[in-house]
Amino acid sequence: KVAIKILEKSAIRKTSGTAERVLREILVLAHLSHPNISRLLQVVDGASAIFLILEYEAGGELFDYIIKEKKVGEDIARRFFRQMVAAVQYCHSRGVVHRDLKPENLLMDDQGNIKIIDYGFANVMREGSLLDTFCGSAAYAAPEMISGKKYAGGEVDIWSLGIILFVLVAGHLPFDDRNMSRMFAAIMMGKFKFPDEMSTECKDLISQILKVNPKERATLVAIRDHPWMN
């Protein structure tokens, strides 16, 4: 069984920047090989569409799993989160920043292992050069991204991981408001509340990840070595 992502050429031509995104996704996926990243098996260039043949992940989206379970216990969250951190650490070691990490872009295989998908917003980090594009989903986007500041790359993925961990354990987003300007203001200030039942160690890890200043934000090594993770 495989999954097929169909990209209509007429739609690609119609929307500005889509061709670059498609090419970037293909190039990035072709260079990545990790147990927690969904593999690109083949690219078929048809007359009217491009077909990306991907690994089939039988477990569906993490997003649907969270909605069904309401919230996930910390033991299960830890298992998922370790896999996410390992995959993101691998991407960063290959110079790739995902920029759109969220539960909808995390699938599960038939064993319940996490698989990162959708590298359409991914970019390559280069020594000394900064990125400035706002992409991804607002609720998971880092403060420096929504404020239009330049960023190195990896730190925006780390912020998104912190949001995902909060959602897994709490069952809701830390920053959630129908009024986008209010939500952006809360993100820029890093203002959110922890649920009482969350463990002290989990709160500590999330607090270290969701630092508004990217220079103060936990690194992937610090996250991996945090007491909650072990």
C-alpha atoms as a PDB file:
ATOM      1  CA  LYS A   1       0.000   0.000   0.000  1.00  0.00           C
ATOM      2  CA  VAL A   2       1.192   3.534  -0.820  1.00  0.00           C
ATOM      3  CA  ALA A   3      -0.168   7.068  -0.456  1.00  0.00           C
ATOM      4  CA  ILE A   4      -0.356   9.235  -3.573  1.00  0.00           C
ATOM      5  CA  LYS A   5      -0.210  13.020  -3.370  1.00  0.00           C
ATOM      6  CA  ILE A   6      -1.647  14.468  -6.597  1.00  0.00           C
ATOM      7  CA  LEU A   7      -0.477  17.939  -7.612  1.00  0.00           C
ATOM      8  CA  GLU A   8      -2.497  19.320 -10.524  1.00  0.00           C
ATOM      9  CA  LYS A   9      -0.245  21.257 -12.926  1.00  0.00           C
ATOM     10  CA  SER A  10      -2.994  23.798 -13.724  1.00  0.00           C
ATOM     11  CA  ALA A  11      -3.297  24.626  -9.994  1.00  0.00           C
ATOM     12  CA  ILE A  12       0.501  24.813  -9.652  1.00  0.00           C
ATOM     13  CA  ARG A  13       0.694  27.309 -12.539  1.00  0.00           C
ATOM     14  CA  LYS A  14      -2.220  29.376 -11.187  1.00  0.00           C
ATOM     15  CA  THR A  15      -0.847  30.059  -7.702  1.00  0.00           C
ATOM     16  CA  SER A  16       2.279  32.139  -7.237  1.00  0.00           C
ATOM     17  CA  GLY A  17       5.097  30.307  -5.461  1.00  0.00           C
ATOM     18  CA  THR A  18       3.456  26.874  -5.706  1.00  0.00           C
ATOM     19  CA  ALA A  19       5.903  25.530  -8.302  1.00  0.00           C
ATOM     20  CA  GLU A  20       8.822  26.428  -6.003  1.00  0.00           C
ATOM     21  CA  ARG A  21       7.095  24.738  -3.047  1.00  0.00           C
ATOM     22  CA  VAL A  22       6.482  21.527  -5.015  1.00  0.00           C
ATOM     23  CA  LEU A  23      10.070  21.390  -6.291  1.00  0.00           C
ATOM     24  CA  ARG A  24      11.407  22.139  -2.801  1.00  0.00           C
ATOM     25  CA  GLU A  25       9.281  19.373  -1.244  1.00  0.00           C
ATOM     26  CA  ILE A  26      10.499  16.830  -3.805  1.00  0.00           C
ATOM     27  CA  LEU A  27      14.157  17.828  -3.428  1.00  0.00           C
ATOM     28  CA  VAL A  28      14.012  17.879   0.377  1.00  0.00           C
ATOM     29  CA  LEU A  29      12.195  14.521   0.698  1.00  0.00           C
ATOM     30  CA  ALA A  30      14.580  12.889  -1.777  1.00  0.00           C
ATOM     31  CA  HIS A  31      17.478  13.703   0.572  1.00  0.00           C
ATOM     32  CA  LEU A  32      15.867  12.627   3.857  1.00  0.00           C
ATOM     33  CA  SER A  33      15.833   9.108   5.274  1.00  0.00           C
ATOM     34  CA  HIS A  34      14.701   8.665   8.883  1.00  0.00           C
ATOM     35  CA  PRO A  35      12.334   6.215  10.641  1.00  0.00           C
ATOM     36  CA  ASN A  36      10.063   9.118  11.708  1.00  0.00           C
ATOM     37  CA  ILE A  37       9.840  10.844   8.319  1.00  0.00           C
ATOM     38  CA  SER A  38       7.404   9.524   5.709  1.00  0.00           C
ATOM     39  CA  ARG A  39       9.474   8.360   2.733  1.00  0.00           C
ATOM     40  CA  LEU A  40       9.074   9.600  -0.816  1.00  0.00           C
ATOM     41  CA  LEU A  41       9.204   6.421  -2.922  1.00  0.00           C
ATOM     42  CA  GLN A  42       8.774   7.814  -6.415  1.00  0.00           C
ATOM     43  CA  VAL A  43       7.831  10.927  -8.407  1.00  0.00           C
ATOM     44  CA  VAL A  44       5.720  10.488 -11.545  1.00  0.00           C
ATOM     45  CA  ASP A  45       5.507  13.454 -13.927  1.00  0.00           C
ATOM     46  CA  GLY A  46       2.184  12.988 -15.726  1.00  0.00           C
ATOM     47  CA  ALA A  47       0.655  15.072 -18.523  1.00  0.00           C
ATOM     48  CA  SER A  48      -1.665  17.061 -16.249  1.00  0.00           C
ATOM     49  CA  ALA A  49      -0.361  16.303 -12.743  1.00  0.00           C
ATOM     50  CA  ILE A  50       2.690  15.377 -10.688  1.00  0.00           C
ATOM     51  CA  PHE A  51       2.228  12.290  -8.508  1.00  0.00           C
ATOM     52  CA  LEU A  52       4.252  11.892  -5.322  1.00  0.00           C
ATOM     53  CA  ILE A  53       4.255   8.229  -4.279  1.00  0.00           C
ATOM     54  CA  LEU A  54       4.746   8.136  -0.497  1.00  0.00           C
ATOM     55  CA  GLU A  55       4.813   5.522   2.232  1.00  0.00           C
ATOM     56  CA  TYR A  56       1.291   4.685   3.410  1.00  0.00           C
ATOM     57  CA  GLU A  57       0.812   5.456   7.112  1.00  0.00           C
ATOM     58  CA  ALA A  58      -2.122   3.383   8.388  1.00  0.00           C
ATOM     59  CA  GLY A  59      -2.537   5.222  11.716  1.00  0.00           C
ATOM     60  CA  GLY A  60      -3.797   8.482  10.196  1.00  0.00           C
ATOM     61  CA  GLU A  61      -3.167  12.031  11.441  1.00  0.00           C
ATOM     62  CA  LEU A  62      -2.025  12.802  14.973  1.00  0.00           C
ATOM     63  CA  PHE A  63      -4.587  15.644  14.823  1.00  0.00           C
ATOM     64  CA  ASP A  64      -7.476  13.131  14.534  1.00  0.00           C
ATOM     65  CA  TYR A  65      -5.953  10.983  17.279  1.00  0.00           C
ATOM     66  CA  ILE A  66      -5.848  13.980  19.669  1.00  0.00           C
ATOM     67  CA  ILE A  67      -9.470  14.912  18.864  1.00  0.00           C
ATOM     68  CA  LYS A  68     -10.584  11.304  19.505  1.00  0.00           C
ATOM     69  CA  GLU A  69      -8.616  10.935  22.746  1.00  0.00           C
ATOM     70  CA  LYS A  70      -9.305  14.576  23.904  1.00  0.00           C
ATOM     71  CA  LYS A  71      -5.813  14.611  25.436  1.00  0.00           C
ATOM     72  CA  VAL A  72      -3.006  12.116  25.611  1.00  0.00           C
ATOM     73  CA  GLY A  73      -1.409  10.929  28.843  1.00  0.00           C
ATOM     74  CA  GLU A  74       2.141  12.123  29.485  1.00  0.00           C
ATOM     75  CA  ASP A  75       3.628   8.639  28.916  1.00  0.00           C
ATOM     76  CA  ILE A  76       2.161   8.404  25.400  1.00  0.00           C
ATOM     77  CA  ALA A  77       2.960  12.089  24.744  1.00  0.00           C
ATOM     78  CA  ARG A  78       6.578  11.408  25.758  1.00  0.00           C
ATOM     79  CA  ARG A  79       6.873   8.520  23.288  1.00  0.00           C
ATOM     80  CA  PHE A  80       5.447  10.623  20.434  1.00  0.00           C
ATOM     81  CA  PHE A  81       7.519  13.663  21.381  1.00  0.00           C
ATOM     82  CA  ARG A  82      10.820  11.741  21.534  1.00  0.00           C
ATOM     83  CA  GLN A  83      10.200  10.575  17.957  1.00  0.00           C
ATOM     84  CA  MET A  84       9.348  14.098  16.768  1.00  0.00           C
ATOM     85  CA  VAL A  85      12.479  15.536  18.387  1.00  0.00           C
ATOM     86  CA  ALA A  86      14.646  12.786  16.836  1.00  0.00           C
ATOM     87  CA  ALA A  87      13.199  13.458  13.355  1.00  0.00           C
ATOM     88  CA  VAL A  88      13.550  17.249  13.636  1.00  0.00           C
ATOM     89  CA  GLN A  89      17.103  16.888  14.970  1.00  0.00           C
ATOM     90  CA  TYR A  90      17.903  14.723  11.930  1.00  0.00           C
ATOM     91  CA  CYS A  91      16.365  17.315   9.546  1.00  0.00           C
ATOM     92  CA  HIS A  92      18.359  20.137  11.134  1.00  0.00           C
ATOM     93  CA  SER A  93      21.565  18.074  10.917  1.00  0.00           C
ATOM     94  CA  ARG A  94      20.873  17.861   7.155  1.00  0.00           C
ATOM     95  CA  GLY A  95      20.308  21.635   7.011  1.00  0.00           C
ATOM     96  CA  VAL A  96      16.527  21.323   6.560  1.00  0.00           C
ATOM     97  CA  VAL A  97      13.994  23.371   8.550  1.00  0.00           C
ATOM     98  CA  HIS A  98      10.356  22.173   8.213  1.00  0.00           C
ATOM     99  CA  ARG A  99       8.528  25.434   9.156  1.00  0.00           C
ATOM    100  CA  ASP A 100       5.042  23.878   9.291  1.00  0.00           C
ATOM    101  CA  LEU A 101       5.103  21.388  12.156  1.00  0.00           C
ATOM    102  CA  LYS A 102       1.589  20.743  13.504  1.00  0.00           C
ATOM    103  CA  PRO A 103      -0.517  17.647  14.331  1.00  0.00           C
ATOM    104  CA  GLU A 104      -2.051  17.668  10.814  1.00  0.00           C
ATOM    105  CA  ASN A 105       1.457  17.144   9.375  1.00  0.00           C
ATOM    106  CA  LEU A 106       2.270  14.262  11.708  1.00  0.00           C
ATOM    107  CA  LEU A 107       0.982  10.846  10.683  1.00  0.00           C
ATOM    108  CA  MET A 108       1.169   7.546  12.549  1.00  0.00           C
ATOM    109  CA  ASP A 109       2.089   4.191  11.075  1.00  0.00           C
ATOM    110  CA  ASP A 110       0.371   0.913  11.994  1.00  0.00           C
ATOM    111  CA  GLN A 111       2.630   0.621  15.078  1.00  0.00           C
ATOM    112  CA  GLY A 112       1.707   4.121  16.321  1.00  0.00           C
ATOM    113  CA  ASN A 113       5.070   5.633  15.353  1.00  0.00           C
ATOM    114  CA  ILE A 114       5.186   9.291  14.308  1.00  0.00           C
ATOM    115  CA  LYS A 115       5.942  10.170  10.671  1.00  0.00           C
ATOM    116  CA  ILE A 116       6.504  13.794   9.641  1.00  0.00           C
ATOM    117  CA  ILE A 117       4.969  14.774   6.286  1.00  0.00           C
ATOM    118  CA  ASP A 118       4.445  17.863   4.091  1.00  0.00           C
ATOM    119  CA  TYR A 119       7.746  19.579   3.385  1.00  0.00           C
ATOM    120  CA  GLY A 120       6.156  22.194   1.083  1.00  0.00           C
ATOM    121  CA  PHE A 121       7.277  25.047   3.383  1.00  0.00           C
ATOM    122  CA  ALA A 122      10.658  23.488   4.180  1.00  0.00           C
ATOM    123  CA  ASN A 123      13.824  25.423   3.483  1.00  0.00           C
ATOM    124  CA  VAL A 124      17.542  24.852   3.601  1.00  0.00           C
ATOM    125  CA  MET A 125      19.459  26.574   6.406  1.00  0.00           C
ATOM    126  CA  ARG A 126      22.728  28.098   5.280  1.00  0.00           C
ATOM    127  CA  GLU A 127      25.491  29.258   7.589  1.00  0.00           C
ATOM    128  CA  GLY A 128      25.221  33.006   8.155  1.00  0.00           C
ATOM    129  CA  SER A 129      22.025  33.510   6.111  1.00  0.00           C
ATOM    130  CA  LEU A 130      18.605  34.216   7.628  1.00  0.00           C
ATOM    131  CA  LEU A 131      15.049  33.409   6.541  1.00  0.00           C
ATOM    132  CA  ASP A 132      12.167  35.875   6.688  1.00  0.00           C
ATOM    133  CA  THR A 133       9.066  34.137   5.290  1.00  0.00           C
ATOM    134  CA  PHE A 134       5.977  33.676   7.454  1.00  0.00           C
ATOM    135  CA  CYS A 135       4.638  30.241   6.701  1.00  0.00           C
ATOM    136  CA  GLY A 136       2.782  27.453   8.393  1.00  0.00           C
ATOM    137  CA  SER A 137      -0.159  27.814  10.782  1.00  0.00           C
ATOM    138  CA  ALA A 138      -0.495  30.858  13.039  1.00  0.00           C
ATOM    139  CA  ALA A 139      -1.254  28.907  16.244  1.00  0.00           C
ATOM    140  CA  TYR A 140       2.006  26.936  15.845  1.00  0.00           C
ATOM    141  CA  ALA A 141       4.152  29.794  14.483  1.00  0.00           C
ATOM    142  CA  ALA A 142       7.028  31.252  16.502  1.00  0.00           C
ATOM    143  CA  PRO A 143       6.877  34.920  17.629  1.00  0.00           C
ATOM    144  CA  GLU A 144       9.807  35.926  15.382  1.00  0.00           C
ATOM    145  CA  MET A 145       7.971  34.459  12.405  1.00  0.00           C
ATOM    146  CA  ILE A 146       4.654  36.243  12.973  1.00  0.00           C
ATOM    147  CA  SER A 147       6.411  39.553  13.708  1.00  0.00           C
ATOM    148  CA  GLY A 148       8.280  39.374  10.377  1.00  0.00           C
ATOM    149  CA  LYS A 149      11.753  39.253  11.923  1.00  0.00           C
ATOM    150  CA  LYS A 150      14.540  37.338  10.221  1.00  0.00           C
ATOM    151  CA  TYR A 151      15.295  33.938  11.741  1.00  0.00           C
ATOM    152  CA  ALA A 152      18.001  31.294  11.331  1.00  0.00           C
ATOM    153  CA  GLY A 153      15.470  28.490  10.886  1.00  0.00           C
ATOM    154  CA  GLY A 154      15.811  25.706  13.428  1.00  0.00           C
ATOM    155  CA  GLU A 155      14.427  27.700  16.338  1.00  0.00           C
ATOM    156  CA  VAL A 156      10.995  28.075  14.670  1.00  0.00           C
ATOM    157  CA  ASP A 157      10.643  24.290  14.480  1.00  0.00           C
ATOM    158  CA  ILE A 158      11.550  24.046  18.179  1.00  0.00           C
ATOM    159  CA  TRP A 159       8.757  26.509  19.083  1.00  0.00           C
ATOM    160  CA  SER A 160       6.254  24.446  17.059  1.00  0.00           C
ATOM    161  CA  LEU A 161       7.373  21.290  18.884  1.00  0.00           C
ATOM    162  CA  GLY A 162       6.599  23.035  22.198  1.00  0.00           C
ATOM    163  CA  ILE A 163       3.089  23.907  21.002  1.00  0.00           C
ATOM    164  CA  ILE A 164       2.514  20.304  19.849  1.00  0.00           C
ATOM    165  CA  LEU A 165       3.677  18.921  23.220  1.00  0.00           C
ATOM    166  CA  PHE A 166       1.310  21.309  25.049  1.00  0.00           C
ATOM    167  CA  VAL A 167      -1.600  20.201  22.811  1.00  0.00           C
ATOM    168  CA  LEU A 168      -0.799  16.503  23.363  1.00  0.00           C
ATOM    169  CA  VAL A 169      -0.840  16.817  27.160  1.00  0.00           C
ATOM    170  CA  ALA A 170      -3.432  19.585  27.670  1.00  0.00           C
ATOM    171  CA  GLY A 171      -5.823  18.724  24.822  1.00  0.00           C
ATOM    172  CA  HIS A 172      -5.995  22.343  23.623  1.00  0.00           C
ATOM    173  CA  LEU A 173      -3.726  25.042  22.182  1.00  0.00           C
ATOM    174  CA  PRO A 174      -1.785  27.346  24.533  1.00  0.00           C
ATOM    175  CA  PHE A 175      -2.564  30.329  22.267  1.00  0.00           C
ATOM    176  CA  ASP A 176      -6.074  30.135  20.877  1.00  0.00           C
ATOM    177  CA  ASP A 177      -8.296  33.072  20.006  1.00  0.00           C
ATOM    178  CA  ARG A 178     -10.699  33.650  17.124  1.00  0.00           C
ATOM    179  CA  ASN A 179      -9.419  37.208  17.081  1.00  0.00           C
ATOM    180  CA  MET A 180      -6.071  36.829  15.265  1.00  0.00           C
ATOM    181  CA  SER A 181      -4.599  40.105  16.518  1.00  0.00           C
ATOM    182  CA  ARG A 182      -5.324  39.065  20.142  1.00  0.00           C
ATOM    183  CA  MET A 183      -3.778  35.644  19.520  1.00  0.00           C
ATOM    184  CA  PHE A 184      -0.689  37.220  17.923  1.00  0.00           C
ATOM    185  CA  ALA A 185      -0.345  39.574  20.903  1.00  0.00           C
ATOM    186  CA  ALA A 186      -0.468  36.597  23.327  1.00  0.00           C
ATOM    187  CA  ILE A 187       2.161  34.730  21.264  1.00  0.00           C
ATOM    188  CA  MET A 188       4.408  37.809  21.171  1.00  0.00           C
ATOM    189  CA  MET A 189       4.225  38.041  24.975  1.00  0.00           C
ATOM    190  CA  GLY A 190       4.431  34.281  25.503  1.00  0.00           C
ATOM    191  CA  LYS A 191       1.350  34.458  27.733  1.00  0.00           C
ATOM    192  CA  PHE A 192      -0.467  31.171  28.328  1.00  0.00           C
ATOM    193  CA  LYS A 193      -1.754  29.039  31.219  1.00  0.00           C
ATOM    194  CA  PHE A 194      -0.817  25.471  32.100  1.00  0.00           C
ATOM    195  CA  PRO A 195      -3.546  23.041  33.148  1.00  0.00           C
ATOM    196  CA  ASP A 196      -3.217  22.130  36.855  1.00  0.00           C
ATOM    197  CA  GLU A 197      -2.930  18.401  36.169  1.00  0.00           C
ATOM    198  CA  MET A 198       0.201  18.761  33.999  1.00  0.00           C
ATOM    199  CA  SER A 199       3.339  17.495  35.776  1.00  0.00           C
ATOM    200  CA  THR A 200       5.916  20.009  37.040  1.00  0.00           C
ATOM    201  CA  GLU A 201       8.611  18.510  34.791  1.00  0.00           C
ATOM    202  CA  CYS A 202       6.405  18.756  31.685  1.00  0.00           C
ATOM    203  CA  LYS A 203       5.547  22.384  32.533  1.00  0.00           C
ATOM    204  CA  ASP A 204       9.259  23.106  32.967  1.00  0.00           C
ATOM    205  CA  LEU A 205      10.149  21.613  29.564  1.00  0.00           C
ATOM    206  CA  ILE A 206       7.382  23.511  27.744  1.00  0.00           C
ATOM    207  CA  SER A 207       8.391  26.754  29.539  1.00  0.00           C
ATOM    208  CA  GLN A 208      11.950  26.300  28.265  1.00  0.00           C
ATOM    209  CA  ILE A 209      10.771  25.675  24.703  1.00  0.00           C
ATOM    210  CA  LEU A 210       8.165  28.457  24.480  1.00  0.00           C
ATOM    211  CA  LYS A 211      10.587  31.309  25.127  1.00  0.00           C
ATOM    212  CA  VAL A 212       9.697  34.385  23.071  1.00  0.00           C
ATOM    213  CA  ASN A 213      13.382  35.217  22.576  1.00  0.00           C
ATOM    214  CA  PRO A 214      14.744  32.505  20.236  1.00  0.00           C
ATOM    215  CA  LYS A 215      18.224  32.897  21.779  1.00  0.00           C
ATOM    216  CA  GLU A 216      16.799  31.756  25.142  1.00  0.00           C
ATOM    217  CA  ARG A 217      14.777  28.884  23.657  1.00  0.00           C
ATOM    218  CA  ALA A 218      15.806  25.321  24.548  1.00  0.00           C
ATOM    219  CA  THR A 219      17.964  23.582  21.940  1.00  0.00           C
ATOM    220  CA  LEU A 220      17.047  20.136  20.644  1.00  0.00           C
ATOM    221  CA  VAL A 221      19.930  18.671  22.689  1.00  0.00           C
ATOM    222  CA  ALA A 222      18.606  20.380  25.858  1.00  0.00           C
ATOM    223  CA  ILE A 223      15.104  19.062  25.081  1.00  0.00           C
ATOM    224  CA  ARG A 224      16.390  15.522  24.505  1.00  0.00           C
ATOM    225  CA  ASP A 225      18.321  15.609  27.811  1.00  0.00           C
ATOM    226  CA  HIS A 226      15.502  17.159  29.878  1.00  0.00           C
ATOM    227  CA  PRO A 227      14.375  15.029  32.893  1.00  0.00           C
ATOM    228  CA  TRP A 228      10.802  14.771  31.534  1.00  0.00           C
ATOM    229  CA  MET A 229      12.129  13.056  28.398  1.00  0.00           C
ATOM    230  CA  ASN A 230      13.974  10.310  30.261  1.00  0.00           C
END
